[in-house]
Protein backbone atom coordinates (compact mmCIF):
# COMPACT_ATOMS: atom_id res chain seq x y z
CA MET A 1 202.16 -46.89 32.46
CA ARG A 2 201.04 -43.33 31.86
CA LEU A 3 199.08 -41.08 29.50
CA ASN A 4 201.90 -39.47 27.59
CA HIS A 5 201.91 -36.15 25.78
CA ILE A 6 201.24 -37.67 22.38
CA ARG A 7 198.22 -39.59 23.64
CA TYR A 8 196.71 -36.46 25.16
CA GLN A 9 197.37 -34.57 21.94
CA VAL A 10 195.71 -37.30 19.89
CA MET A 11 192.58 -37.44 22.03
CA ALA A 12 192.23 -33.71 22.48
CA HIS A 13 192.35 -32.97 18.74
CA ASN A 14 190.07 -35.68 17.46
CA ILE A 15 193.05 -37.97 17.88
CA TRP A 16 195.17 -35.75 15.56
CA ASN A 17 194.74 -32.13 15.52
CA LYS A 18 196.45 -22.79 23.70
CA VAL A 19 200.22 -1.69 34.79
CA SER A 20 198.22 1.21 34.56
CA ALA A 21 197.26 1.04 38.25
CA TYR A 22 195.06 3.79 39.53
CA ARG A 23 196.53 6.04 42.21
CA SER A 24 193.44 7.72 43.58
CA LYS A 25 193.13 11.32 44.72
CA SER A 26 190.71 10.39 47.47
CA THR A 27 190.40 12.75 50.42
CA SER A 28 190.20 9.77 52.79
CA VAL A 29 193.27 9.70 55.04
CA TYR A 30 193.01 5.92 55.30
CA THR A 31 192.70 5.48 51.53
CA GLN A 32 195.62 7.79 50.90
CA SER A 33 197.76 5.78 53.29
CA VAL A 34 196.82 2.63 51.42
CA LEU A 35 197.81 4.25 48.14
CA ASP A 36 201.09 5.49 49.58
CA LYS A 37 201.85 2.01 50.85
CA GLU A 38 201.05 0.53 47.43
CA TYR A 39 203.29 3.09 45.79
CA ARG A 40 206.15 2.24 48.14
CA LEU A 41 205.66 -1.44 47.44
CA GLU A 42 205.90 -0.73 43.72
CA ARG A 43 209.14 1.12 44.25
CA GLN A 44 210.55 -1.56 46.53
CA SER A 45 209.76 -4.61 44.40
CA SER A 46 212.68 -4.19 42.04
CA GLU A 47 213.78 -7.75 42.50
CA ASN A 48 211.03 -9.03 40.22
CA GLY A 49 211.33 -6.28 37.67
CA ILE A 50 207.59 -5.74 37.39
CA ASP A 51 207.71 -2.34 39.07
CA GLN A 52 209.46 -1.06 35.96
CA PHE A 53 206.01 -0.83 34.44
CA ASN A 54 204.49 2.54 35.34
CA TYR A 55 201.16 2.09 37.12
CA SER A 56 200.43 5.81 37.55
CA LYS A 57 197.37 7.56 36.17
CA THR A 58 199.39 9.87 33.96
CA SER A 59 201.59 7.29 32.30
CA VAL A 60 201.58 3.77 30.93
CA VAL A 61 204.41 1.68 29.54
CA ARG A 62 206.34 3.76 27.09
CA ASN A 63 209.43 1.61 26.68
CA ASN A 64 208.82 -1.74 25.01
CA GLY A 65 212.33 -2.72 26.05
CA THR A 66 210.97 -3.16 29.57
CA PHE A 67 208.88 -6.14 28.53
CA SER A 68 211.80 -7.58 26.61
CA LYS A 69 213.99 -7.37 29.70
CA LEU A 70 211.34 -9.09 31.79
CA TYR A 71 211.02 -11.88 29.23
CA GLN A 72 214.77 -12.37 28.97
CA SER A 73 215.36 -12.34 32.71
CA ALA A 74 212.50 -14.76 33.33
CA ASN A 75 214.11 -17.30 30.99
CA ASP A 76 217.75 -16.76 31.83
CA ARG A 77 218.46 -20.26 33.11
CA THR A 78 221.86 -21.92 33.21
CA VAL A 79 221.95 -25.71 33.12
CA THR A 80 224.11 -27.37 35.76
CA ASP A 81 225.09 -31.00 36.18
CA THR A 82 222.75 -32.59 38.75
CA GLY A 83 224.38 -35.99 38.38
CA GLU A 84 221.24 -37.61 36.98
CA GLU A 85 221.64 -40.15 34.20
CA THR A 86 219.11 -38.50 31.92
CA VAL A 87 220.37 -34.99 31.32
CA ILE A 88 218.62 -33.98 28.09
CA GLN A 89 215.02 -32.84 28.59
CA SER A 90 212.76 -32.18 25.62
CA THR A 91 210.51 -29.94 27.72
CA ASN A 92 212.10 -27.41 30.07
CA PRO A 93 210.49 -24.86 32.43
CA TYR A 94 209.64 -21.78 30.41
CA GLU A 95 207.80 -18.51 30.99
CA SER A 96 206.08 -17.53 27.80
CA GLU A 97 205.13 -14.02 26.80
CA SER A 98 201.57 -14.90 27.82
CA ASP A 99 202.76 -16.09 31.23
CA ILE A 100 204.58 -12.81 31.80
CA ARG A 101 201.61 -10.78 30.65
CA ILE A 102 199.40 -12.53 33.19
CA LYS A 103 202.02 -12.03 35.91
CA ILE A 104 202.13 -8.31 35.14
CA LEU A 105 198.34 -8.03 35.12
CA ASP A 106 198.06 -10.00 38.36
CA GLU A 107 200.59 -7.67 39.96
CA LYS A 108 198.76 -4.63 38.66
CA TYR A 109 195.19 -5.58 39.44
CA SER A 110 195.83 -7.13 42.83
CA ARG A 111 196.94 -3.63 43.89
CA ILE A 112 194.11 -1.84 42.15
CA ASN A 113 191.59 -4.24 43.61
CA ALA A 114 192.86 -3.48 47.10
CA ILE A 115 192.33 0.21 46.42
CA ASN A 116 188.88 -0.30 44.89
CA LYS A 117 187.71 -2.27 47.92
CA THR A 118 188.45 0.65 50.23
CA LYS A 119 185.60 2.56 48.54
CA SER A 120 182.10 2.52 49.95
CA ASP A 121 180.81 1.55 46.49
CA PRO A 122 183.66 -0.29 44.69
CA LEU A 123 181.63 -1.11 41.58
CA GLY A 124 180.34 2.44 41.28
CA TYR A 125 183.89 3.73 41.65
CA ILE A 126 185.05 1.43 38.83
CA LYS A 127 182.19 2.59 36.62
CA ASP A 128 183.08 6.21 37.34
CA LYS A 129 186.66 5.61 36.23
CA TYR A 130 185.83 3.93 32.97
CA GLN A 131 182.22 4.73 31.98
CA ASN A 132 181.31 8.11 33.47
CA SER A 133 183.03 10.87 31.53
CA LYS A 134 181.68 13.48 33.95
CA SER A 135 183.29 11.90 36.99
CA PRO A 136 186.49 13.46 38.37
CA HIS A 137 187.84 9.92 38.49
CA PHE A 138 187.26 9.31 34.76
CA ARG A 139 190.36 7.93 33.02
CA SER A 140 190.51 10.27 30.02
CA ASP A 141 194.17 9.37 29.56
CA LEU A 142 193.16 5.92 28.33
CA SER A 143 191.67 4.95 24.99
CA ALA A 144 188.15 3.52 24.82
CA ALA A 145 189.56 0.01 24.38
CA GLU A 146 191.93 0.48 27.32
CA ARG A 147 189.10 1.74 29.54
CA GLN A 148 187.02 -1.28 28.60
CA ALA A 149 189.96 -3.58 29.39
CA ALA A 150 190.50 -1.92 32.77
CA TYR A 151 186.80 -2.17 33.56
CA ASP A 152 186.70 -5.87 32.60
CA ASN A 153 189.84 -6.66 34.56
CA GLU A 154 188.91 -4.73 37.71
CA THR A 155 185.40 -6.20 37.88
CA GLU A 156 186.89 -9.69 37.42
CA TRP A 157 189.00 -9.12 40.51
CA LEU A 158 186.18 -7.45 42.43
CA PHE A 159 183.65 -10.22 41.86
CA LYS A 160 185.91 -13.26 41.80
CA GLY A 161 188.78 -12.32 44.11
CA LYS A 162 191.22 -12.86 41.27
CA ALA A 163 190.89 -12.65 37.52
CA GLN A 164 190.03 -15.90 35.78
CA ASN A 165 190.07 -14.17 32.41
CA TYR A 166 191.86 -11.02 31.32
CA ASN A 167 191.12 -8.45 28.65
CA LEU A 168 194.62 -8.10 27.18
CA GLN A 169 193.97 -4.74 25.50
CA ASP A 170 195.19 -3.27 28.77
CA ALA A 171 197.01 0.06 28.77
CA VAL A 172 200.07 -1.57 30.31
CA PHE A 173 200.77 -3.12 26.92
CA ARG A 174 200.02 0.01 24.90
CA ASN A 175 203.40 0.08 23.20
CA VAL A 176 204.07 -3.64 23.05
CA THR A 177 202.92 -5.81 20.14
CA PHE A 178 202.40 -9.54 20.55
CA HIS A 179 201.94 -12.24 17.93
CA GLY A 180 201.11 -15.91 18.44
CA GLU A 181 203.53 -17.23 15.84
CA VAL A 182 206.39 -15.25 17.33
CA GLU A 183 205.53 -16.56 20.80
CA THR A 184 205.67 -20.13 19.47
CA GLU A 185 209.03 -19.58 17.77
CA ASN A 186 210.52 -17.85 20.82
CA ALA A 187 209.59 -20.91 22.88
CA LYS A 188 211.37 -23.21 20.42
CA VAL A 189 214.52 -21.07 20.48
CA TYR A 190 214.47 -21.18 24.28
CA GLN A 191 214.06 -24.96 24.37
CA ARG A 192 216.99 -25.34 21.95
CA SER A 193 219.22 -23.19 24.16
CA GLN A 194 218.41 -25.42 27.13
CA VAL A 195 218.99 -28.66 25.24
CA ASN A 196 222.29 -27.27 23.89
CA GLN A 197 223.42 -26.65 27.46
CA GLN A 198 222.23 -30.07 28.61
CA LEU A 199 224.06 -31.78 25.78
CA GLN A 200 227.24 -29.90 26.71
CA VAL A 201 226.86 -31.02 30.33
CA LEU A 202 226.60 -34.61 29.10
CA LEU A 203 229.66 -34.28 26.88
CA ASN A 204 231.71 -32.55 29.59
CA ARG A 205 230.76 -35.17 32.19
CA ASN A 206 232.14 -37.89 29.94
CA GLY A 207 235.24 -35.99 28.82
CA ILE A 208 234.10 -35.77 25.20
CA HIS A 209 235.53 -32.89 23.18
CA ILE A 210 234.19 -32.05 19.72
CA SER A 211 236.51 -29.71 17.84
CA GLN A 212 235.28 -26.36 16.53
CA GLY A 213 234.26 -26.65 12.90
CA THR A 214 233.39 -30.33 13.16
CA ARG A 215 229.85 -30.90 11.91
CA LEU A 216 228.21 -34.08 13.11
CA THR A 217 224.82 -35.55 12.37
CA PHE A 218 222.84 -37.42 15.02
CA THR A 219 220.20 -39.79 13.59
CA ILE A 220 217.71 -41.45 15.92
CA THR A 221 215.34 -44.30 15.11
CA PRO A 222 211.90 -44.41 16.77
CA ILE A 223 210.74 -46.87 19.42
CA ASP A 224 214.25 -48.05 20.38
CA TYR A 225 215.74 -44.51 20.08
CA LYS A 226 219.03 -45.86 18.81
CA VAL A 227 221.52 -43.14 17.86
CA GLN A 228 223.87 -43.14 14.86
CA VAL A 229 226.55 -40.46 14.65
CA ARG A 230 228.07 -39.44 11.31
CA GLY A 231 230.41 -36.68 10.16
CA THR A 232 233.82 -37.80 11.38
CA ASP A 233 236.30 -40.61 10.70
CA ASP A 234 237.14 -40.80 14.40
CA GLU A 235 235.45 -44.10 15.27
CA ALA A 236 236.37 -43.80 18.94
CA LEU A 237 234.64 -40.42 19.16
CA ILE A 238 231.56 -41.77 17.39
CA GLU A 239 231.35 -44.69 19.81
CA GLN A 240 231.71 -42.38 22.80
CA ILE A 241 228.98 -40.01 21.65
CA GLU A 242 226.58 -42.79 20.73
CA GLN A 243 227.08 -44.48 24.08
CA VAL A 244 226.55 -41.26 26.03
CA LEU A 245 223.47 -40.22 24.09
CA GLN A 246 221.92 -43.64 24.60
CA SER A 247 222.42 -43.56 28.36
CA GLY A 248 219.25 -43.13 30.42
CA ASP A 249 216.50 -41.52 28.34
CA ASN A 250 218.79 -39.02 26.65
CA SER A 251 218.26 -40.31 23.10
CA LYS A 252 214.50 -40.45 23.62
CA GLU A 253 214.43 -36.88 24.94
CA LEU A 254 216.62 -35.71 22.06
CA PHE A 255 214.29 -37.44 19.59
CA LEU A 256 211.29 -35.67 21.13
CA HIS A 257 213.15 -32.36 21.05
CA ILE A 258 213.88 -32.77 17.34
CA MET A 259 210.23 -33.69 16.73
CA LYS A 260 209.00 -30.59 18.58
CA SER A 261 211.43 -28.46 16.57
CA LEU A 262 210.14 -29.58 13.16
CA SER A 263 208.80 -26.71 11.08
CA SER A 264 205.85 -26.92 8.72
CA ASP A 265 208.13 -27.38 5.72
CA SER A 266 210.37 -30.02 7.30
CA ALA A 267 211.52 -32.66 4.85
CA GLN A 268 211.74 -35.07 7.78
CA PHE A 269 208.03 -35.01 8.51
CA SER A 270 205.59 -37.46 6.93
CA GLU A 271 202.11 -37.79 8.37
CA GLU A 272 202.01 -41.48 7.51
CA SER A 273 205.35 -42.15 9.22
CA TYR A 274 204.39 -40.00 12.21
CA LYS A 275 201.10 -41.86 12.71
CA LYS A 276 202.94 -45.17 12.47
CA TYR A 277 205.36 -43.95 15.14
CA GLN A 278 202.47 -42.80 17.37
CA ALA A 279 200.71 -46.12 17.18
CA ALA A 280 203.79 -48.29 17.54
CA ARG A 281 205.13 -46.21 20.42
CA GLU A 282 201.78 -46.26 22.22
CA MET A 283 201.50 -50.02 21.95
CA TYR A 284 205.06 -50.46 23.18
CA ASP A 285 204.66 -48.03 26.09
CA VAL A 286 201.45 -49.63 27.34
CA THR A 287 201.77 -53.33 26.44
CA GLY A 288 205.53 -53.80 26.01
CA TYR A 289 205.05 -55.34 22.56
CA GLN A 290 206.74 -53.99 19.43
CA LEU A 291 204.49 -54.01 16.37
CA LYS A 292 207.28 -55.03 14.03
CA GLU A 293 207.80 -58.24 16.01
CA LEU A 294 204.14 -59.32 15.98
CA LYS A 295 202.21 -61.37 13.45
CA VAL A 296 199.14 -60.07 11.62
CA VAL A 297 196.16 -62.43 11.65
CA ASP A 298 192.97 -61.43 9.84
CA GLY A 299 194.07 -57.80 9.83
CA ARG A 300 194.82 -57.76 13.58
CA TYR A 301 198.13 -57.67 15.44
CA VAL A 302 198.38 -60.77 17.60
CA THR A 303 200.70 -61.41 20.57
CA PRO A 304 202.87 -64.56 20.74
CA ASP A 305 200.23 -66.20 22.97
CA GLY A 306 197.49 -65.59 20.40
CA ARG A 307 195.76 -62.58 21.95
CA ASP A 308 194.56 -59.53 20.05
CA LEU A 309 197.04 -56.77 20.86
CA LEU A 310 194.18 -54.30 21.42
CA ASP A 311 192.67 -56.56 24.08
CA VAL A 312 195.98 -56.43 25.94
CA TYR A 313 196.09 -52.67 25.44
CA LYS A 314 192.56 -52.27 26.81
CA GLU A 315 193.32 -54.37 29.88
CA GLU A 316 196.39 -52.31 30.67
CA LEU A 317 194.58 -48.99 30.30
CA GLU A 318 191.74 -50.13 32.54
CA LYS A 319 194.13 -50.91 35.37
CA ASP A 320 194.52 -47.18 35.91
CA PRO A 321 191.37 -45.24 37.04
CA VAL A 322 192.41 -42.12 35.15
CA GLN A 323 193.26 -43.87 31.90
CA LYS A 324 190.19 -46.04 32.13
CA GLN A 325 188.00 -42.98 31.58
CA ASN A 326 189.52 -42.39 28.13
CA ALA A 327 190.19 -45.98 27.19
CA SER A 328 187.31 -46.30 24.72
CA TYR A 329 188.48 -43.28 22.72
CA ALA A 330 192.06 -44.53 22.59
CA ILE A 331 190.99 -48.03 21.58
CA THR A 332 188.76 -46.73 18.77
CA TYR A 333 191.54 -44.57 17.41
CA TYR A 334 194.32 -47.13 17.62
CA ARG A 335 192.13 -49.89 16.19
CA SER A 336 191.85 -47.78 13.05
CA GLU A 337 195.57 -46.95 12.97
CA LEU A 338 196.72 -50.52 13.57
CA SER A 339 194.38 -51.73 10.86
CA LYS A 340 195.96 -49.30 8.37
CA ILE A 341 199.48 -50.39 9.31
CA ALA A 342 198.56 -54.08 9.12
CA GLU A 343 196.94 -53.64 5.70
CA ALA A 344 199.88 -51.70 4.26
CA GLY A 345 202.54 -53.78 5.98
CA TYR A 346 204.73 -52.49 8.79
CA ASP A 347 207.85 -52.22 6.63
CA ALA A 348 205.96 -50.64 3.74
CA ILE A 349 205.48 -47.45 5.76
CA PRO A 350 208.77 -45.61 6.34
CA ASP A 351 209.92 -45.29 9.93
CA PHE A 352 209.76 -41.87 11.54
CA ILE A 353 213.56 -41.44 11.69
CA LEU A 354 214.82 -38.03 12.77
CA SER A 355 218.19 -36.34 12.37
CA ILE A 356 219.81 -33.16 13.64
CA ASP A 357 223.23 -31.65 13.05
CA TYR A 358 225.66 -30.52 15.75
CA SER A 359 228.50 -28.03 15.40
CA ASN A 360 230.28 -25.45 17.50
CA GLY A 361 228.32 -26.21 20.66
CA SER A 362 224.84 -26.14 19.14
CA LEU A 363 222.30 -28.48 17.62
CA ARG A 364 221.21 -27.33 14.15
CA ASP A 365 218.02 -28.33 12.36
CA VAL A 366 218.19 -30.04 8.96
CA GLY A 367 215.79 -30.22 6.06
CA GLN A 368 213.75 -27.14 6.98
CA SER A 369 213.78 -23.39 6.48
CA LYS A 370 213.87 -22.55 10.19
CA SER A 371 216.76 -23.51 12.43
CA TYR A 372 216.81 -22.81 16.14
CA GLY A 373 220.53 -23.29 16.63
CA THR A 374 222.87 -20.67 18.08
CA GLY A 375 223.40 -17.96 15.48
CA ASP A 376 220.84 -19.47 13.12
CA THR A 377 217.80 -17.35 14.05
CA LYS A 378 218.09 -14.23 11.90
CA TRP A 379 214.85 -15.37 10.27
CA LEU A 380 213.11 -14.83 13.62
CA GLU A 381 214.16 -11.19 13.73
CA THR A 382 212.74 -10.80 10.23
CA LEU A 383 209.49 -12.43 11.34
CA LYS A 384 209.23 -10.10 14.34
CA HIS A 385 209.74 -7.09 12.06
CA GLN A 386 207.05 -8.37 9.68
CA LYS A 387 204.57 -8.92 12.50
CA GLY A 388 205.35 -5.63 14.23
CA VAL A 389 206.62 -7.35 17.35
CA ASN A 390 208.86 -4.87 19.14
CA TYR A 391 210.39 -6.70 22.04
């Protein structure tokens, strides 16, 4: 029994709705040696790519392609066969643009902080750089916003030992534009590329070959995650694919991947069906009972031994100290949802059935304007152009 992603999402949203380093010109021999050492470290750290960002006083990032290369290299992961039964994973390790920005800023300001702390008055030195235009240390090469960002970031490190919050208007990103929607879509494209590889591993392991040009449709029902394959008259191939996808948790993970890939205009999404799926899945995960198999008595789902299903649910949640803390919220929410399903009738609300196409080595979304399949993402380049994203 565990608090799954959907349950956390439900509770958290009311049960429905996240390297311009300073190289000082100090006359101190010791300080200069520190700076020289930091400079050498920057030059020698090519294995992580971060040194490609110019930390010098006279220059900041001028080539947005540098960030793009960092992003691509960070997420260049090839899937290999580990021999595990469940191969498909709906959530795969991923370094977002935000993750990489923080990594760059951590790299930058850890070095600057070391330099600042060699000064007799570190805070005064920081103020001179960013607030005192008469100081020889004043960073006139930065804009007012960039100086404020540097001040915020350096004082974070100075007072806290490491930044807990960053001002992202930092000069290191002067020529790089970011946009939240693009970040979200990039993540979905990445997850699709990983699932495509995982699916291929699964097919290869079982000696299944799908000819180029063949377009199949995988349809998965909720709760039991049963797979139906359509698109070919080869019954033997259909049986093979269905059997392989239903091994381990592969069909469940594929279902979750499809769900996470749904766009706002998806014809497959219905709030009523989704909420039914949430409630039915939660009850099944925690109590082991399937709603569709239970009787409704006085508007309540009742187990075969006559108990209120929510009483069973509560008992199971309270067995775990962590889940017990949130049990009351979950019970309140699911009491309302189960009541709605019972009143309407389980079969009166359509099941949250999801489908996805497969052809030429890639899964391809159906019933929506955005597809994340291989070669299907020209719309993303258009979006980047519209938002001014240049990496």
